Amino acid sequence: MTSTVVGVTLTTAAVAPTYISQAIKHTEPQVRQGFQSLLKSGFGGSCYRGGFPLQMSKQEATVD
């Protein structure tokens, strides 16, 4: 009984990396696309893209 459990455990440990690597290869494009959309919407899309005016206005100059 014990040897059977040990054999099944070793077989599972030997075969599991193959299935895990196949699952990672299958989901990698979906994960990459999700990260890209997150970066575009969360960080890149809401930033102010314009520059700053070269001269300071009088109101900005008087603020302490």
Protein backbone atom coordinates (compact mmCIF):
# COMPACT_ATOMS: atom_id res chain seq x y z
CA MET A 1 0.00 0.00 0.00
CA THR A 2 2.72 2.44 0.98
CA SER A 3 4.81 1.65 -2.08
CA THR A 4 1.81 2.28 -4.32
CA VAL A 5 1.23 5.70 -2.77
CA VAL A 6 4.91 6.54 -3.13
CA GLY A 7 4.87 5.41 -6.77
CA VAL A 8 1.80 7.47 -7.61
CA THR A 9 3.30 10.50 -5.86
CA LEU A 10 6.57 10.21 -7.76
CA THR A 11 4.78 9.73 -11.06
CA THR A 12 2.63 12.77 -10.42
CA ALA A 13 5.68 14.81 -9.49
CA ALA A 14 7.42 13.72 -12.69
CA VAL A 15 4.48 14.44 -15.02
CA ALA A 16 3.15 17.64 -13.41
CA PRO A 17 5.82 20.02 -14.82
CA THR A 18 4.87 19.00 -18.36
CA TYR A 19 1.23 19.91 -17.82
CA ILE A 20 2.12 23.10 -16.00
CA SER A 21 4.42 24.27 -18.80
CA GLN A 22 1.74 23.54 -21.39
CA ALA A 23 -0.80 25.53 -19.38
CA ILE A 24 1.59 28.47 -19.09
CA LYS A 25 2.27 28.47 -22.84
CA HIS A 26 -1.46 28.38 -23.53
CA THR A 27 -2.35 31.30 -21.24
CA GLU A 28 0.71 33.49 -21.87
CA PRO A 29 -0.77 35.53 -24.77
CA GLN A 30 -3.93 36.21 -22.77
CA VAL A 31 -1.96 37.35 -19.74
CA ARG A 32 0.30 39.55 -21.86
CA GLN A 33 -2.72 41.17 -23.51
CA GLY A 34 -4.30 41.77 -20.11
CA PHE A 35 -1.18 43.50 -18.80
CA GLN A 36 -0.94 45.69 -21.89
CA SER A 37 -4.55 46.80 -21.61
CA LEU A 38 -4.06 47.48 -17.89
CA LEU A 39 -1.02 49.62 -18.60
CA LYS A 40 -2.78 51.57 -21.33
CA SER A 41 -5.94 52.24 -19.35
CA GLY A 42 -4.56 52.63 -15.85
CA PHE A 43 -1.25 54.33 -16.34
CA GLY A 44 -0.79 55.52 -19.91
CA GLY A 45 -4.26 56.73 -20.86
CA SER A 46 -4.95 59.13 -18.02
CA CYS A 47 -1.68 61.06 -18.04
CA TYR A 48 -1.47 64.67 -19.18
CA ARG A 49 0.42 64.57 -22.45
CA GLY A 50 0.84 68.31 -22.99
CA GLY A 51 3.82 70.33 -21.91
CA PHE A 52 4.08 73.21 -19.50
CA PRO A 53 3.96 76.87 -20.52
CA LEU A 54 7.40 78.41 -20.81
CA GLN A 55 6.49 81.58 -18.91
CA MET A 56 4.91 81.70 -15.48
CA SER A 57 1.71 83.67 -15.09
CA LYS A 58 1.46 86.50 -12.52
CA GLN A 59 -0.90 84.42 -10.40
CA GLU A 60 1.57 81.52 -10.28
CA ALA A 61 4.43 83.88 -9.43
CA THR A 62 2.61 85.39 -6.43
CA VAL A 63 1.66 82.05 -4.87
CA ASP A 64 3.92 81.20 -1.94
